Amino acid sequence: MTIRKLTRANPDMEQVLGNFLRFGVITAGAVVLAGGILFLLRHASEIPDYRVFRGAPVELRSLTGIMKETITLHARGIIQLGCLLLIATPVIRVILSVYGFARQRDWTYVAITLVVLSVLLYSLSGTFR
C-alpha cells in the first residue's frame, strides 16, 4: 500500500460524493421552502392554538401518506417530503461509498461502511412504523 493511498482516497469518488451531498441538501431545502411558501399562502391568516398539542396527522406518518399528500399538493406533505429527502441524502451517500470502495477493491473500507450503513438503517427502522 502506498502512502498516497493511505492519506487520500480516490479524488473522483470524493468529488462525486461531495456533489451528491450538495445536490441532496439543496434539493431537500428547495422542496421544504416550496412547501413552506405554499403553507404560508394557504394558512398565513390562521391563528394557531398552542393550548392543545396536535402531533403530525396520520397521513403524514407513512411514506405512502406523504407521497399522496405531496401529489395532491398539500403543503405539509411537501415539507415532510423535503425532510425525508434530507434524511435520505447521507444514507444514499453511504451506499455510494460502499460502491466506490468495492470498485477500488478496498474490502476493509467496504466492511466498515457496511457496518455504518447497517447502524443507520437500524436507527431509522423505527421511524416509519
Protein backbone atom coordinates (compact mmCIF):
# COMPACT_ATOMS: atom_id res chain seq x y z
CA MET A 1 0.00 0.00 0.00
CA THR A 2 1.41 3.37 -0.95
CA ILE A 3 1.45 6.43 1.24
CA ARG A 4 -0.80 8.23 -1.25
CA LYS A 5 -3.46 5.54 -0.87
CA LEU A 6 -3.30 5.77 2.90
CA THR A 7 -3.54 9.55 3.05
CA ARG A 8 -6.04 10.31 0.33
CA ALA A 9 -9.00 8.43 -1.11
CA ASN A 10 -9.85 8.44 -4.78
CA PRO A 11 -10.35 12.11 -5.75
CA ASP A 12 -13.07 11.16 -8.26
CA MET A 13 -15.05 9.37 -5.59
CA GLU A 14 -14.67 12.34 -3.24
CA GLN A 15 -15.93 14.67 -5.97
CA VAL A 16 -18.96 12.51 -6.75
CA LEU A 17 -19.87 12.13 -3.07
CA GLY A 18 -19.39 15.83 -2.40
CA ASN A 19 -21.54 16.78 -5.38
CA PHE A 20 -24.21 14.30 -4.33
CA LEU A 21 -24.36 15.71 -0.80
CA ARG A 22 -24.56 19.25 -2.14
CA PHE A 23 -27.31 18.30 -4.60
CA GLY A 24 -29.27 16.38 -1.95
CA VAL A 25 -29.20 19.17 0.61
CA ILE A 26 -30.07 21.86 -1.93
CA THR A 27 -32.92 19.76 -3.33
CA ALA A 28 -34.29 19.00 0.13
CA GLY A 29 -34.06 22.66 1.09
CA ALA A 30 -35.84 23.74 -2.09
CA VAL A 31 -38.65 21.23 -1.50
CA VAL A 32 -39.10 22.37 2.11
CA LEU A 33 -39.02 26.02 1.01
CA ALA A 34 -41.65 25.37 -1.68
CA GLY A 35 -43.85 23.59 0.86
CA GLY A 36 -43.35 26.39 3.38
CA ILE A 37 -44.31 29.06 0.88
CA LEU A 38 -47.38 27.07 -0.15
CA PHE A 39 -48.31 26.61 3.51
CA LEU A 40 -47.99 30.33 4.20
CA LEU A 41 -50.03 31.23 1.13
CA ARG A 42 -52.86 28.99 2.31
CA HIS A 43 -52.69 29.37 6.10
CA ALA A 44 -51.00 32.70 6.88
CA SER A 45 -54.13 34.26 8.33
CA GLU A 46 -54.91 31.38 10.71
CA ILE A 47 -54.23 31.86 14.40
CA PRO A 48 -52.60 28.76 15.93
CA ASP A 49 -53.96 27.29 19.15
CA TYR A 50 -50.99 26.21 21.25
CA ARG A 51 -53.02 25.16 24.28
CA VAL A 52 -53.57 21.67 22.83
CA PHE A 53 -50.74 19.67 21.29
CA ARG A 54 -51.58 18.12 17.97
CA GLY A 55 -48.94 15.81 16.51
CA ALA A 56 -48.42 15.09 12.87
CA PRO A 57 -51.58 13.99 11.09
CA VAL A 58 -51.91 10.25 10.48
CA GLU A 59 -51.48 10.67 6.73
CA LEU A 60 -48.01 12.18 7.27
CA ARG A 61 -46.72 9.26 9.35
CA SER A 62 -46.05 6.88 6.46
CA LEU A 63 -44.16 7.10 3.21
CA THR A 64 -47.26 6.37 1.14
CA GLY A 65 -49.24 9.00 3.02
CA ILE A 66 -46.50 11.58 2.47
CA MET A 67 -46.41 10.78 -1.24
CA LYS A 68 -50.22 11.08 -1.53
CA GLU A 69 -50.15 14.41 0.27
CA THR A 70 -47.33 15.64 -1.96
CA ILE A 71 -49.06 14.59 -5.18
CA THR A 72 -52.22 16.42 -4.11
CA LEU A 73 -50.06 19.49 -3.36
CA HIS A 74 -50.76 19.66 0.36
CA ALA A 75 -48.10 21.89 1.89
CA ARG A 76 -47.40 19.73 4.93
CA GLY A 77 -46.82 16.70 2.71
CA ILE A 78 -44.36 18.65 0.58
CA ILE A 79 -42.49 19.85 3.67
CA GLN A 80 -42.41 16.29 5.02
CA LEU A 81 -41.06 15.03 1.68
CA GLY A 82 -38.26 17.60 1.89
CA CYS A 83 -37.39 16.34 5.37
CA LEU A 84 -37.32 12.77 4.08
CA LEU A 85 -35.00 13.82 1.25
CA LEU A 86 -32.72 15.44 3.79
CA ILE A 87 -32.64 12.25 5.86
CA ALA A 88 -32.12 10.06 2.78
CA THR A 89 -29.16 12.08 1.47
CA PRO A 90 -26.49 10.82 3.90
CA VAL A 91 -27.89 7.28 3.75
CA ILE A 92 -27.54 7.23 -0.03
CA ARG A 93 -24.08 8.75 0.35
CA VAL A 94 -23.04 5.79 2.50
CA ILE A 95 -24.46 3.40 -0.12
CA LEU A 96 -22.47 5.19 -2.81
CA SER A 97 -19.38 4.91 -0.60
CA VAL A 98 -19.82 1.14 -0.37
CA TYR A 99 -20.00 1.00 -4.16
CA GLY A 100 -16.93 3.24 -4.55
CA PHE A 101 -14.83 1.25 -2.10
CA ALA A 102 -15.92 -2.00 -3.76
CA ARG A 103 -14.82 -0.65 -7.14
CA GLN A 104 -11.43 0.18 -5.61
CA ARG A 105 -11.37 -3.33 -4.09
CA ASP A 106 -10.75 -1.85 -0.66
CA TRP A 107 -12.56 -4.55 1.30
CA THR A 108 -11.67 -3.18 4.72
CA TYR A 109 -13.49 0.07 3.97
CA VAL A 110 -16.35 -1.82 2.34
CA ALA A 111 -16.83 -3.77 5.58
CA ILE A 112 -16.59 -0.64 7.76
CA THR A 113 -19.00 1.26 5.54
CA LEU A 114 -21.47 -1.63 5.57
CA VAL A 115 -21.40 -1.56 9.37
CA VAL A 116 -22.10 2.18 9.27
CA LEU A 117 -24.93 1.58 6.79
CA SER A 118 -26.46 -1.13 8.96
CA VAL A 119 -26.36 1.15 12.02
CA LEU A 120 -28.00 3.94 10.02
CA LEU A 121 -30.75 1.69 8.69
CA TYR A 122 -31.35 0.16 12.11
CA SER A 123 -31.66 3.58 13.71
CA LEU A 124 -34.13 4.68 11.04
CA SER A 125 -36.15 1.46 11.08
CA GLY A 126 -38.32 2.62 13.97
CA THR A 127 -39.14 5.91 12.30
CA PHE A 128 -41.90 4.76 9.97
CA ARG A 129 -43.86 2.23 12.00
